[in-house]
C-alpha atoms as a PDB file:
ATOM      1  CA  MET A   1     -33.736 -12.180 -74.032  1.00  0.00           C
ATOM      2  CA  ALA A   2     -31.198 -14.867 -74.436  1.00  0.00           C
ATOM      3  CA  THR A   3     -32.026 -18.544 -74.284  1.00  0.00           C
ATOM      4  CA  THR A   4     -31.911 -20.055 -70.794  1.00  0.00           C
ATOM      5  CA  GLU A   5     -29.770 -23.057 -70.029  1.00  0.00           C
ATOM      6  CA  SER A   6     -32.892 -24.879 -68.768  1.00  0.00           C
ATOM      7  CA  PHE A   7     -34.627 -24.445 -72.122  1.00  0.00           C
ATOM      8  CA  ILE A   8     -31.620 -25.707 -74.138  1.00  0.00           C
ATOM      9  CA  ASN A   9     -31.535 -28.768 -71.851  1.00  0.00           C
ATOM     10  CA  TYR A  10     -35.295 -29.204 -72.457  1.00  0.00           C
ATOM     11  CA  VAL A  11     -34.754 -29.087 -76.258  1.00  0.00           C
ATOM     12  CA  CYS A  12     -32.019 -31.715 -75.987  1.00  0.00           C
ATOM     13  CA  GLU A  13     -34.140 -33.946 -73.750  1.00  0.00           C
ATOM     14  CA  GLN A  14     -37.082 -33.812 -76.331  1.00  0.00           C
ATOM     15  CA  LEU A  15     -34.627 -34.919 -79.097  1.00  0.00           C
ATOM     16  CA  THR A  16     -33.020 -37.723 -77.189  1.00  0.00           C
ATOM     17  CA  GLY A  17     -32.818 -40.988 -79.135  1.00  0.00           C
ATOM     18  CA  ILE A  18     -32.457 -39.432 -82.575  1.00  0.00           C
ATOM     19  CA  GLY A  19     -28.700 -39.475 -82.436  1.00  0.00           C
ATOM     20  CA  GLU A  20     -25.732 -38.206 -80.496  1.00  0.00           C
ATOM     21  CA  ILE A  21     -26.668 -34.700 -79.303  1.00  0.00           C
ATOM     22  CA  ARG A  22     -24.561 -31.746 -78.249  1.00  0.00           C
ATOM     23  CA  TYR A  23     -25.065 -28.009 -78.240  1.00  0.00           C
ATOM     24  CA  LYS A  24     -22.717 -25.047 -78.563  1.00  0.00           C
ATOM     25  CA  LYS A  25     -23.312 -21.539 -77.254  1.00  0.00           C
ATOM     26  CA  MET A  26     -22.895 -18.944 -79.985  1.00  0.00           C
ATOM     27  CA  PHE A  27     -23.435 -15.231 -79.413  1.00  0.00           C
ATOM     28  CA  GLY A  28     -25.709 -15.907 -76.382  1.00  0.00           C
ATOM     29  CA  GLU A  29     -27.817 -18.371 -78.293  1.00  0.00           C
ATOM     30  CA  TYR A  30     -27.376 -22.025 -79.195  1.00  0.00           C
ATOM     31  CA  MET A  31     -26.856 -24.439 -82.087  1.00  0.00           C
ATOM     32  CA  VAL A  32     -27.943 -28.066 -81.433  1.00  0.00           C
ATOM     33  CA  TYR A  33     -25.865 -30.614 -83.234  1.00  0.00           C
ATOM     34  CA  ILE A  34     -27.081 -34.177 -83.852  1.00  0.00           C
ATOM     35  CA  GLU A  35     -24.460 -36.623 -85.177  1.00  0.00           C
ATOM     36  CA  GLU A  36     -22.179 -33.549 -85.465  1.00  0.00           C
ATOM     37  CA  LYS A  37     -24.656 -31.932 -87.909  1.00  0.00           C
ATOM     38  CA  PRO A  38     -26.126 -28.460 -87.123  1.00  0.00           C
ATOM     39  CA  VAL A  39     -29.804 -29.107 -87.101  1.00  0.00           C
ATOM     40  CA  VAL A  40     -31.664 -26.840 -84.600  1.00  0.00           C
ATOM     41  CA  ILE A  41     -30.978 -23.237 -83.826  1.00  0.00           C
ATOM     42  CA  VAL A  42     -32.298 -22.148 -80.404  1.00  0.00           C
ATOM     43  CA  CYS A  43     -32.788 -18.368 -79.955  1.00  0.00           C
ATOM     44  CA  GLU A  44     -34.846 -16.543 -77.286  1.00  0.00           C
ATOM     45  CA  ASN A  45     -36.125 -19.883 -75.953  1.00  0.00           C
ATOM     46  CA  THR A  46     -37.557 -20.865 -79.330  1.00  0.00           C
ATOM     47  CA  ALA A  47     -36.264 -23.802 -81.483  1.00  0.00           C
ATOM     48  CA  PHE A  48     -35.956 -23.114 -85.150  1.00  0.00           C
ATOM     49  CA  VAL A  49     -35.166 -25.335 -88.165  1.00  0.00           C
ATOM     50  CA  LYS A  50     -34.307 -24.371 -91.704  1.00  0.00           C
ATOM     51  CA  LYS A  51     -37.109 -24.096 -94.242  1.00  0.00           C
ATOM     52  CA  LEU A  52     -36.243 -26.939 -96.632  1.00  0.00           C
ATOM     53  CA  ASP A  53     -38.516 -28.541 -99.218  1.00  0.00           C
ATOM     54  CA  TYR A  54     -37.653 -31.887 -97.711  1.00  0.00           C
ATOM     55  CA  ILE A  55     -39.571 -31.237 -94.561  1.00  0.00           C
ATOM     56  CA  GLU A  56     -42.237 -28.845 -95.934  1.00  0.00           C
ATOM     57  CA  PRO A  57     -45.051 -31.504 -95.940  1.00  0.00           C
ATOM     58  CA  LEU A  58     -44.431 -32.240 -92.203  1.00  0.00           C
ATOM     59  CA  MET A  59     -44.217 -28.551 -91.320  1.00  0.00           C
ATOM     60  CA  GLU A  60     -47.360 -27.440 -93.182  1.00  0.00           C
ATOM     61  CA  GLY A  61     -49.215 -24.975 -91.076  1.00  0.00           C
ATOM     62  CA  SER A  62     -46.335 -24.485 -88.661  1.00  0.00           C
ATOM     63  CA  ASP A  63     -45.299 -21.059 -87.354  1.00  0.00           C
ATOM     64  CA  VAL A  64     -42.331 -19.356 -88.980  1.00  0.00           C
ATOM     65  CA  GLY A  65     -39.953 -16.792 -87.729  1.00  0.00           C
ATOM     66  CA  PHE A  66     -36.457 -15.372 -87.824  1.00  0.00           C
ATOM     67  CA  PRO A  67     -33.971 -16.752 -85.249  1.00  0.00           C
ATOM     68  CA  TYR A  68     -31.896 -13.551 -85.344  1.00  0.00           C
ATOM     69  CA  LYS A  69     -31.638 -10.314 -87.233  1.00  0.00           C
ATOM     70  CA  GLY A  70     -30.568 -10.867 -90.822  1.00  0.00           C
ATOM     71  CA  ALA A  71     -31.457 -14.594 -90.839  1.00  0.00           C
ATOM     72  CA  LYS A  72     -33.638 -16.241 -93.422  1.00  0.00           C
ATOM     73  CA  GLU A  73     -37.079 -17.354 -92.388  1.00  0.00           C
ATOM     74  CA  HIS A  74     -37.137 -20.613 -90.449  1.00  0.00           C
ATOM     75  CA  TYR A  75     -39.820 -22.973 -89.137  1.00  0.00           C
ATOM     76  CA  ILE A  76     -40.568 -22.808 -85.443  1.00  0.00           C
ATOM     77  CA  LEU A  77     -40.270 -26.306 -84.039  1.00  0.00           C
ATOM     78  CA  ASP A  78     -43.096 -27.282 -81.742  1.00  0.00           C
ATOM     79  CA  LEU A  79     -41.315 -29.592 -79.300  1.00  0.00           C
ATOM     80  CA  GLU A  80     -44.589 -30.749 -77.753  1.00  0.00           C
ATOM     81  CA  ASN A  81     -45.660 -32.216 -81.114  1.00  0.00           C
ATOM     82  CA  ASP A  82     -44.422 -35.746 -82.004  1.00  0.00           C
ATOM     83  CA  ILE A  83     -43.868 -34.610 -85.602  1.00  0.00           C
ATOM     84  CA  SER A  84     -40.922 -32.500 -84.362  1.00  0.00           C
ATOM     85  CA  ARG A  85     -38.832 -35.656 -83.769  1.00  0.00           C
ATOM     86  CA  GLU A  86     -39.653 -36.877 -87.280  1.00  0.00           C
ATOM     87  CA  VAL A  87     -38.706 -33.507 -88.718  1.00  0.00           C
ATOM     88  CA  VAL A  88     -35.374 -33.476 -86.861  1.00  0.00           C
ATOM     89  CA  ALA A  89     -34.631 -37.035 -87.895  1.00  0.00           C
ATOM     90  CA  LYS A  90     -35.170 -36.154 -91.552  1.00  0.00           C
ATOM     91  CA  LEU A  91     -32.962 -33.098 -91.205  1.00  0.00           C
ATOM     92  CA  VAL A  92     -30.194 -35.281 -89.737  1.00  0.00           C
ATOM     93  CA  GLU A  93     -30.486 -37.437 -92.904  1.00  0.00           C
ATOM     94  CA  VAL A  94     -29.960 -34.563 -95.313  1.00  0.00           C
ATOM     95  CA  THR A  95     -27.697 -32.170 -93.397  1.00  0.00           C
ATOM     96  CA  PRO A  96     -24.048 -32.609 -94.102  1.00  0.00           C
ATOM     97  CA  VAL A  97     -21.381 -32.580 -91.431  1.00  0.00           C
ATOM     98  CA  PRO A  98     -19.622 -29.209 -91.628  1.00  0.00           C
ATOM     99  CA  LYS A  99     -16.108 -29.219 -93.096  1.00  0.00           C
ATOM    100  CA  LYS A 100     -13.308 -28.293 -90.736  1.00  0.00           C
ATOM    101  CA  LYS A 101     -11.817 -24.888 -91.445  1.00  0.00           C
ATOM    102  CA  LYS A 102      -8.150 -24.859 -92.194  1.00  0.00           C
ATOM    103  CA  LYS A 103      -6.050 -22.732 -89.804  1.00  0.00           C
END
């Protein structure tokens, strides 16, 4: 089951105010960019963030899962929890802007 457009809009609404938000559809699922940094993967109506030591204390006890076949384990972001905004804000701090690929 692919992510619905209403769910990706909900994710973006929940993260409003952290920075400039956009999303890109990729293989039927979505990547959410904040300040042009890929921060949240949305697959099958579930928001995922990378498991990084930097956010581990905030995500302690959170569910984990795999956003797609072959992916590394990610934290599942509980968008109803206020901590999710703090987690995403911290990820924006440490995530680099992807380098443009040369054609």
